[in-house]
N, C-alpha and C. Protein backbone atom coordinates (compact mmCIF):
# COMPACT_ATOMS: atom_id res chain seq x y z
N MET A 1 46.24 69.01 -1.90
CA MET A 1 45.50 67.77 -1.75
C MET A 1 44.14 67.91 -2.45
N GLN A 2 43.71 66.84 -3.11
CA GLN A 2 42.44 66.87 -3.83
C GLN A 2 41.28 66.82 -2.85
N SER A 3 40.16 67.37 -3.29
CA SER A 3 38.97 67.27 -2.46
C SER A 3 38.39 65.86 -2.60
N ARG A 4 37.46 65.53 -1.75
CA ARG A 4 36.89 64.18 -1.74
C ARG A 4 36.04 63.88 -2.97
N THR A 5 35.63 64.89 -3.73
CA THR A 5 34.76 64.62 -4.87
C THR A 5 35.47 64.77 -6.22
N GLU A 6 36.68 65.29 -6.26
CA GLU A 6 37.36 65.50 -7.54
C GLU A 6 37.70 64.20 -8.26
N HIS A 7 37.92 63.14 -7.54
CA HIS A 7 38.35 61.89 -8.17
C HIS A 7 37.21 60.91 -8.42
N GLY A 8 35.99 61.32 -8.29
CA GLY A 8 34.88 60.45 -8.67
C GLY A 8 33.94 60.09 -7.56
N GLY A 9 34.34 60.19 -6.31
CA GLY A 9 33.44 59.94 -5.21
C GLY A 9 33.06 58.49 -5.02
N TRP A 10 31.87 58.29 -4.50
CA TRP A 10 31.39 56.96 -4.12
C TRP A 10 30.99 56.14 -5.34
N VAL A 11 31.25 54.84 -5.26
CA VAL A 11 30.80 53.89 -6.28
C VAL A 11 29.77 53.00 -5.60
N ASP A 12 28.52 53.09 -6.05
CA ASP A 12 27.42 52.35 -5.43
C ASP A 12 27.46 50.87 -5.76
N SER A 13 26.87 50.07 -4.87
CA SER A 13 26.73 48.64 -5.10
C SER A 13 25.55 48.38 -6.03
N ALA A 14 25.62 47.30 -6.75
CA ALA A 14 24.51 46.86 -7.61
C ALA A 14 24.40 45.35 -7.49
N GLY A 15 23.21 44.87 -7.24
CA GLY A 15 23.01 43.43 -7.16
C GLY A 15 23.37 42.88 -5.78
N LEU A 16 23.15 41.59 -5.61
CA LEU A 16 23.45 40.91 -4.36
C LEU A 16 24.35 39.71 -4.62
N PRO A 17 25.33 39.49 -3.77
CA PRO A 17 26.14 38.28 -3.91
C PRO A 17 25.28 37.04 -3.72
N PRO A 18 25.56 35.98 -4.46
CA PRO A 18 24.75 34.76 -4.34
C PRO A 18 24.70 34.21 -2.91
N VAL A 19 25.77 34.37 -2.15
CA VAL A 19 25.76 33.84 -0.79
C VAL A 19 24.72 34.54 0.08
N LEU A 20 24.47 35.83 -0.15
CA LEU A 20 23.42 36.52 0.62
C LEU A 20 22.04 36.05 0.19
N TRP A 21 21.86 35.80 -1.11
CA TRP A 21 20.58 35.24 -1.56
C TRP A 21 20.33 33.90 -0.89
N LEU A 22 21.38 33.06 -0.83
CA LEU A 22 21.23 31.75 -0.19
C LEU A 22 20.89 31.89 1.29
N MET A 23 21.54 32.86 1.96
CA MET A 23 21.26 33.06 3.38
C MET A 23 19.82 33.51 3.59
N TRP A 24 19.35 34.46 2.78
CA TRP A 24 18.00 34.99 2.97
C TRP A 24 16.94 33.97 2.60
N VAL A 25 17.09 33.35 1.44
CA VAL A 25 16.10 32.36 1.01
C VAL A 25 16.17 31.12 1.89
N GLY A 26 17.39 30.70 2.24
CA GLY A 26 17.55 29.54 3.12
C GLY A 26 16.97 29.78 4.49
N GLY A 27 17.20 30.98 5.03
CA GLY A 27 16.64 31.31 6.35
C GLY A 27 15.12 31.32 6.32
N ALA A 28 14.55 31.89 5.28
CA ALA A 28 13.09 31.92 5.16
C ALA A 28 12.54 30.51 4.99
N ALA A 29 13.23 29.67 4.23
CA ALA A 29 12.77 28.30 4.02
C ALA A 29 12.83 27.49 5.32
N ILE A 30 13.90 27.68 6.08
CA ILE A 30 14.02 26.97 7.36
C ILE A 30 12.93 27.43 8.32
N THR A 31 12.71 28.73 8.38
CA THR A 31 11.66 29.27 9.25
C THR A 31 10.29 28.74 8.84
N ALA A 32 9.99 28.75 7.54
CA ALA A 32 8.70 28.25 7.06
C ALA A 32 8.56 26.75 7.35
N GLY A 33 9.64 26.00 7.16
CA GLY A 33 9.60 24.56 7.46
C GLY A 33 9.37 24.29 8.93
N LEU A 34 10.04 25.03 9.79
CA LEU A 34 9.86 24.87 11.23
C LEU A 34 8.43 25.19 11.65
N LEU A 35 7.91 26.29 11.12
CA LEU A 35 6.53 26.66 11.46
C LEU A 35 5.53 25.63 10.93
N THR A 36 5.78 25.10 9.75
CA THR A 36 4.90 24.08 9.19
C THR A 36 4.85 22.86 10.09
N VAL A 37 6.00 22.40 10.55
CA VAL A 37 6.04 21.23 11.43
C VAL A 37 5.35 21.54 12.76
N LEU A 38 5.64 22.71 13.33
CA LEU A 38 5.04 23.06 14.62
C LEU A 38 3.52 23.16 14.55
N PHE A 39 3.01 23.73 13.45
CA PHE A 39 1.55 23.87 13.34
C PHE A 39 0.89 22.60 12.82
N ALA A 40 1.57 21.84 11.97
CA ALA A 40 0.98 20.61 11.44
C ALA A 40 0.75 19.59 12.54
N PHE A 41 1.69 19.52 13.47
CA PHE A 41 1.56 18.54 14.56
C PHE A 41 0.98 19.16 15.83
N ASP A 42 0.48 20.40 15.70
CA ASP A 42 -0.16 21.10 16.81
C ASP A 42 0.72 21.06 18.08
N LEU A 43 1.96 21.47 17.90
CA LEU A 43 2.91 21.45 19.02
C LEU A 43 2.95 22.76 19.81
N LEU A 44 2.53 23.86 19.20
CA LEU A 44 2.63 25.15 19.88
C LEU A 44 1.42 25.48 20.74
N GLN A 45 0.22 25.35 20.19
CA GLN A 45 -0.97 25.83 20.90
C GLN A 45 -1.22 25.14 22.23
N PRO A 46 -1.01 23.82 22.36
CA PRO A 46 -1.23 23.23 23.68
C PRO A 46 -0.29 23.79 24.76
N ILE A 47 0.90 24.19 24.36
CA ILE A 47 1.88 24.70 25.33
C ILE A 47 1.74 26.20 25.53
N LEU A 48 1.64 26.96 24.43
CA LEU A 48 1.67 28.42 24.50
C LEU A 48 0.29 29.07 24.41
N GLY A 49 -0.69 28.35 23.94
CA GLY A 49 -2.00 28.95 23.69
C GLY A 49 -1.96 29.74 22.39
N LEU A 50 -3.09 30.30 22.00
CA LEU A 50 -3.16 31.03 20.74
C LEU A 50 -2.32 32.30 20.78
N ASP A 51 -2.42 33.07 21.85
CA ASP A 51 -1.64 34.31 21.94
C ASP A 51 -0.14 34.02 21.93
N GLY A 52 0.27 33.02 22.67
CA GLY A 52 1.69 32.66 22.71
C GLY A 52 2.19 32.17 21.37
N SER A 53 1.35 31.43 20.65
CA SER A 53 1.74 30.93 19.33
C SER A 53 1.93 32.07 18.34
N VAL A 54 1.00 33.04 18.38
CA VAL A 54 1.12 34.21 17.50
C VAL A 54 2.36 35.01 17.85
N ALA A 55 2.65 35.18 19.13
CA ALA A 55 3.84 35.90 19.57
C ALA A 55 5.11 35.16 19.12
N PHE A 56 5.10 33.84 19.23
CA PHE A 56 6.26 33.05 18.81
C PHE A 56 6.53 33.22 17.32
N VAL A 57 5.48 33.14 16.51
CA VAL A 57 5.62 33.32 15.07
C VAL A 57 6.14 34.73 14.76
N GLY A 58 5.61 35.73 15.45
CA GLY A 58 6.07 37.10 15.24
C GLY A 58 7.54 37.27 15.60
N ILE A 59 7.94 36.72 16.74
CA ILE A 59 9.35 36.81 17.15
C ILE A 59 10.25 36.09 16.15
N LEU A 60 9.82 34.93 15.68
CA LEU A 60 10.61 34.18 14.71
C LEU A 60 10.74 34.96 13.39
N ALA A 61 9.66 35.57 12.93
CA ALA A 61 9.70 36.35 11.69
C ALA A 61 10.58 37.58 11.83
N VAL A 62 10.44 38.30 12.93
CA VAL A 62 11.27 39.49 13.16
C VAL A 62 12.74 39.09 13.27
N GLY A 63 13.03 38.00 13.94
CA GLY A 63 14.41 37.52 14.05
C GLY A 63 15.00 37.15 12.70
N ASP A 64 14.20 36.54 11.84
CA ASP A 64 14.67 36.17 10.50
C ASP A 64 14.97 37.41 9.67
N VAL A 65 14.09 38.39 9.71
CA VAL A 65 14.30 39.64 8.96
C VAL A 65 15.50 40.40 9.53
N ALA A 66 15.60 40.47 10.86
CA ALA A 66 16.70 41.20 11.50
C ALA A 66 18.05 40.58 11.17
N SER A 67 18.15 39.25 11.20
CA SER A 67 19.42 38.61 10.88
C SER A 67 19.77 38.82 9.41
N GLY A 68 18.78 38.80 8.53
CA GLY A 68 19.03 39.07 7.12
C GLY A 68 19.55 40.48 6.89
N LEU A 69 18.94 41.45 7.57
CA LEU A 69 19.41 42.83 7.45
C LEU A 69 20.82 43.00 8.04
N TYR A 70 21.08 42.34 9.16
CA TYR A 70 22.40 42.44 9.78
C TYR A 70 23.49 41.91 8.85
N PHE A 71 23.29 40.71 8.33
CA PHE A 71 24.30 40.14 7.45
C PHE A 71 24.40 40.90 6.12
N GLY A 72 23.27 41.38 5.62
CA GLY A 72 23.32 42.20 4.42
C GLY A 72 24.10 43.47 4.63
N ASN A 73 23.90 44.11 5.77
CA ASN A 73 24.62 45.34 6.09
C ASN A 73 26.11 45.07 6.31
N MET A 74 26.42 43.93 6.86
CA MET A 74 27.82 43.61 7.16
C MET A 74 28.59 43.21 5.90
N PHE A 75 27.97 42.42 5.04
CA PHE A 75 28.70 41.86 3.90
C PHE A 75 28.54 42.63 2.60
N ARG A 76 27.53 43.47 2.47
CA ARG A 76 27.31 44.19 1.22
C ARG A 76 27.25 45.68 1.50
N PRO A 77 28.28 46.42 1.13
CA PRO A 77 28.25 47.86 1.39
C PRO A 77 27.32 48.58 0.43
N LYS A 78 26.85 49.73 0.85
CA LYS A 78 26.05 50.57 -0.04
C LYS A 78 26.95 51.20 -1.10
N ALA A 79 28.16 51.61 -0.69
CA ALA A 79 29.09 52.24 -1.62
C ALA A 79 30.50 52.18 -1.05
N VAL A 80 31.49 52.30 -1.92
CA VAL A 80 32.90 52.40 -1.52
C VAL A 80 33.55 53.54 -2.29
N ARG A 81 34.65 54.04 -1.75
CA ARG A 81 35.44 55.00 -2.49
C ARG A 81 36.88 54.94 -1.99
N ALA A 82 37.77 55.30 -2.89
CA ALA A 82 39.19 55.33 -2.57
C ALA A 82 39.58 56.74 -2.15
N GLU A 83 40.39 56.82 -1.15
CA GLU A 83 40.90 58.09 -0.62
C GLU A 83 42.41 57.97 -0.47
N PRO A 84 43.11 59.07 -0.30
CA PRO A 84 44.56 58.98 -0.11
C PRO A 84 44.96 58.13 1.09
N GLU A 85 44.18 58.17 2.16
CA GLU A 85 44.51 57.41 3.37
C GLU A 85 44.12 55.94 3.29
N GLY A 86 43.18 55.61 2.41
CA GLY A 86 42.71 54.24 2.30
C GLY A 86 41.36 54.15 1.64
N ILE A 87 40.61 53.12 1.97
CA ILE A 87 39.31 52.85 1.36
C ILE A 87 38.23 53.18 2.38
N GLU A 88 37.20 53.86 1.94
CA GLU A 88 36.04 54.14 2.78
C GLU A 88 34.89 53.25 2.32
N VAL A 89 34.29 52.57 3.27
CA VAL A 89 33.18 51.66 3.00
C VAL A 89 31.95 52.20 3.72
N ARG A 90 30.90 52.50 2.95
CA ARG A 90 29.65 53.00 3.53
C ARG A 90 28.65 51.85 3.57
N PRO A 91 28.31 51.35 4.78
CA PRO A 91 27.31 50.29 4.87
C PRO A 91 25.91 50.83 4.60
N MET A 92 24.95 49.93 4.43
CA MET A 92 23.56 50.36 4.22
C MET A 92 23.05 51.10 5.44
N ILE A 93 23.45 50.66 6.63
CA ILE A 93 23.03 51.27 7.88
C ILE A 93 24.29 51.51 8.72
N GLY A 94 24.44 52.69 9.25
CA GLY A 94 25.58 52.96 10.12
C GLY A 94 26.59 53.90 9.49
N GLY A 95 27.66 54.13 10.21
CA GLY A 95 28.68 55.07 9.79
C GLY A 95 29.68 54.49 8.81
N VAL A 96 30.44 55.37 8.20
CA VAL A 96 31.45 54.99 7.21
C VAL A 96 32.64 54.36 7.94
N ARG A 97 33.12 53.23 7.40
CA ARG A 97 34.33 52.59 7.93
C ARG A 97 35.50 52.99 7.05
N ARG A 98 36.60 53.34 7.66
CA ARG A 98 37.81 53.70 6.92
C ARG A 98 38.84 52.61 7.13
N VAL A 99 39.36 52.09 6.01
CA VAL A 99 40.34 51.01 6.05
C VAL A 99 41.62 51.52 5.39
N PRO A 100 42.74 51.56 6.12
CA PRO A 100 43.99 51.99 5.50
C PRO A 100 44.39 51.04 4.37
N TRP A 101 45.08 51.57 3.38
CA TRP A 101 45.51 50.74 2.25
C TRP A 101 46.34 49.55 2.74
N SER A 102 47.12 49.75 3.78
CA SER A 102 47.99 48.67 4.27
C SER A 102 47.20 47.53 4.90
N GLU A 103 45.95 47.79 5.29
CA GLU A 103 45.14 46.76 5.94
C GLU A 103 44.02 46.24 5.05
N ALA A 104 44.05 46.56 3.77
CA ALA A 104 43.00 46.12 2.85
C ALA A 104 43.60 45.25 1.76
N LYS A 105 42.87 44.22 1.39
CA LYS A 105 43.28 43.33 0.31
C LYS A 105 42.05 42.99 -0.51
N LEU A 106 42.18 43.06 -1.82
CA LEU A 106 41.06 42.78 -2.71
C LEU A 106 41.31 41.46 -3.42
N ASP A 107 40.49 40.47 -3.12
CA ASP A 107 40.59 39.17 -3.78
C ASP A 107 39.84 39.22 -5.10
N PRO A 108 40.30 38.45 -6.09
CA PRO A 108 39.59 38.43 -7.38
C PRO A 108 38.23 37.75 -7.23
N PRO A 109 37.33 38.02 -8.19
CA PRO A 109 35.99 37.41 -8.09
C PRO A 109 36.04 35.90 -8.20
N ARG A 110 35.17 35.26 -7.43
CA ARG A 110 35.03 33.81 -7.47
C ARG A 110 33.55 33.48 -7.58
N GLY A 111 33.22 32.55 -8.40
CA GLY A 111 31.84 32.12 -8.51
C GLY A 111 31.00 33.07 -9.34
N PRO A 112 29.70 32.82 -9.38
CA PRO A 112 28.82 33.64 -10.20
C PRO A 112 28.62 35.03 -9.60
N GLY A 113 28.29 35.96 -10.45
CA GLY A 113 27.98 37.30 -9.99
C GLY A 113 29.11 38.29 -10.11
N GLY A 114 30.35 37.84 -10.18
CA GLY A 114 31.48 38.74 -10.34
C GLY A 114 31.81 39.58 -9.12
N PHE A 115 31.44 39.13 -7.93
CA PHE A 115 31.74 39.88 -6.72
C PHE A 115 33.13 39.53 -6.21
N SER A 116 33.90 40.55 -5.88
CA SER A 116 35.21 40.36 -5.26
C SER A 116 35.05 40.48 -3.75
N LEU A 117 36.03 40.02 -3.04
CA LEU A 117 36.00 40.09 -1.58
C LEU A 117 37.06 41.08 -1.11
N LEU A 118 36.62 42.12 -0.43
CA LEU A 118 37.53 43.11 0.15
C LEU A 118 37.78 42.71 1.60
N LYS A 119 39.00 42.25 1.87
CA LYS A 119 39.36 41.82 3.22
C LYS A 119 40.01 42.99 3.95
N CYS A 120 39.62 43.18 5.19
CA CYS A 120 40.12 44.31 5.98
C CYS A 120 40.74 43.79 7.27
N GLY A 121 41.89 44.31 7.60
CA GLY A 121 42.56 43.93 8.84
C GLY A 121 44.04 43.84 8.62
N PRO A 122 44.78 43.47 9.67
CA PRO A 122 46.23 43.36 9.53
C PRO A 122 46.61 42.34 8.45
N PRO A 123 47.76 42.52 7.80
CA PRO A 123 48.18 41.56 6.77
C PRO A 123 48.23 40.14 7.32
N ASN A 124 47.83 39.20 6.50
CA ASN A 124 47.80 37.77 6.82
C ASN A 124 46.80 37.41 7.93
N ARG A 125 46.01 38.37 8.40
CA ARG A 125 45.00 38.09 9.43
C ARG A 125 43.81 39.00 9.27
N PRO A 126 43.05 38.86 8.19
CA PRO A 126 41.91 39.77 7.99
C PRO A 126 40.88 39.62 9.11
N ALA A 127 40.38 40.75 9.56
CA ALA A 127 39.40 40.76 10.65
C ALA A 127 37.98 40.82 10.13
N ALA A 128 37.79 41.31 8.91
CA ALA A 128 36.45 41.46 8.35
C ALA A 128 36.56 41.38 6.83
N ALA A 129 35.44 41.15 6.20
CA ALA A 129 35.41 41.11 4.74
C ALA A 129 34.06 41.61 4.27
N THR A 130 34.04 42.14 3.08
CA THR A 130 32.80 42.61 2.48
C THR A 130 32.85 42.34 0.98
N PHE A 131 31.69 42.11 0.38
CA PHE A 131 31.63 41.88 -1.05
C PHE A 131 31.59 43.21 -1.78
N VAL A 132 32.37 43.33 -2.85
CA VAL A 132 32.32 44.51 -3.70
C VAL A 132 32.03 44.08 -5.13
N THR A 133 31.28 44.92 -5.85
CA THR A 133 30.92 44.61 -7.23
C THR A 133 32.12 44.80 -8.14
N ALA A 134 31.98 44.39 -9.38
CA ALA A 134 33.06 44.55 -10.36
C ALA A 134 33.39 46.02 -10.56
N ASP A 135 32.37 46.90 -10.60
CA ASP A 135 32.62 48.33 -10.75
C ASP A 135 33.38 48.90 -9.56
N GLN A 136 33.02 48.46 -8.37
CA GLN A 136 33.72 48.94 -7.18
C GLN A 136 35.17 48.45 -7.16
N ALA A 137 35.38 47.19 -7.51
CA ALA A 137 36.74 46.65 -7.55
C ALA A 137 37.59 47.40 -8.58
N LEU A 138 37.00 47.67 -9.74
CA LEU A 138 37.72 48.42 -10.78
C LEU A 138 38.07 49.83 -10.29
N ALA A 139 37.12 50.47 -9.60
CA ALA A 139 37.38 51.82 -9.08
C ALA A 139 38.52 51.80 -8.05
N LEU A 140 38.56 50.78 -7.21
CA LEU A 140 39.63 50.70 -6.21
C LEU A 140 40.98 50.41 -6.86
N ARG A 141 40.98 49.49 -7.83
CA ARG A 141 42.25 49.13 -8.49
C ARG A 141 42.78 50.26 -9.37
N SER A 142 41.90 51.08 -9.93
CA SER A 142 42.34 52.15 -10.83
C SER A 142 42.46 53.50 -10.12
N SER A 143 42.31 53.52 -8.82
CA SER A 143 42.38 54.77 -8.08
C SER A 143 43.78 55.38 -8.15
N PRO A 144 43.87 56.70 -8.31
CA PRO A 144 45.19 57.34 -8.29
C PRO A 144 45.83 57.30 -6.91
N PHE A 145 45.05 56.98 -5.88
CA PHE A 145 45.58 56.93 -4.53
C PHE A 145 46.12 55.54 -4.16
N ARG A 146 45.83 54.54 -4.96
CA ARG A 146 46.22 53.16 -4.65
C ARG A 146 47.74 53.04 -4.66
N PRO A 147 48.32 52.48 -3.59
CA PRO A 147 49.77 52.24 -3.60
C PRO A 147 50.14 51.25 -4.70
N ALA A 148 51.33 51.38 -5.23
CA ALA A 148 51.77 50.54 -6.36
C ALA A 148 51.77 49.05 -6.01
N ASN A 149 52.08 48.72 -4.78
CA ASN A 149 52.17 47.30 -4.40
C ASN A 149 50.89 46.78 -3.75
N TRP A 150 49.78 47.52 -3.86
CA TRP A 150 48.56 47.13 -3.16
C TRP A 150 47.83 46.00 -3.86
N SER A 151 47.56 44.94 -3.14
CA SER A 151 46.71 43.84 -3.55
C SER A 151 46.91 43.43 -5.01
N PRO A 152 48.09 42.89 -5.33
CA PRO A 152 48.31 42.46 -6.71
C PRO A 152 47.32 41.36 -7.09
N LEU A 153 46.98 41.31 -8.36
CA LEU A 153 46.05 40.28 -8.82
C LEU A 153 46.67 38.91 -8.66
N SER A 154 45.88 38.00 -8.15
CA SER A 154 46.32 36.61 -8.07
C SER A 154 45.34 35.78 -8.89
N PRO A 155 45.79 34.66 -9.42
CA PRO A 155 44.88 33.87 -10.24
C PRO A 155 43.70 33.36 -9.42
N THR A 156 42.56 33.27 -10.07
CA THR A 156 41.38 32.77 -9.37
C THR A 156 41.48 31.27 -9.17
N ARG A 157 40.86 30.82 -8.11
CA ARG A 157 40.85 29.37 -7.87
C ARG A 157 39.86 28.71 -8.79
N PRO A 158 40.11 27.46 -9.15
CA PRO A 158 39.14 26.76 -10.02
C PRO A 158 37.86 26.47 -9.28
C-alpha cells in the first residue's frame, strides 16, 4: 500500500466561491443597514442606554463575523486529497473529514469562478456539500485511487 504522501498529498484551496462573497458582503451590508436605521432614528439609546447600545453593536458584529467564519469553514475546505478509502477534506478549522468514494459525488462547475460542488452522503441523498477548486476537482478525478465508475461527468446546466 502506498504511503499518504507518495501520490501528491493535499491540494490546497485558492480563491472564494462567489456565493461566499455574497454571503459575507451581504451580511455586512444588512448589518450596516440595520445599525444605520437604529442609530439614525435613535431607537437604541432610549431603550438600552449608551452601554447597552455599544454592547448590542458588539454582539451584532461578533455574530456577523462568527457566522461568516462558520459558513466559510463549512463550505470551503482548506485542502482535499484522495486516498484509497475515499476523499479526505481538511476544513479551515477542525478535524479532517473522511468521505468514502461510494458516498461522494463531484458535480461539474457552475457559474463564475470554476468551483465544483463535492456532495457527501448516501447516494441520491447528499447530507453535506463543499466547494472545491478546479485544481482540487482535477486531482480527485485523476487520482489513481478513484473507482472507475465514480462521479461520471454530466453536462453542466445552462
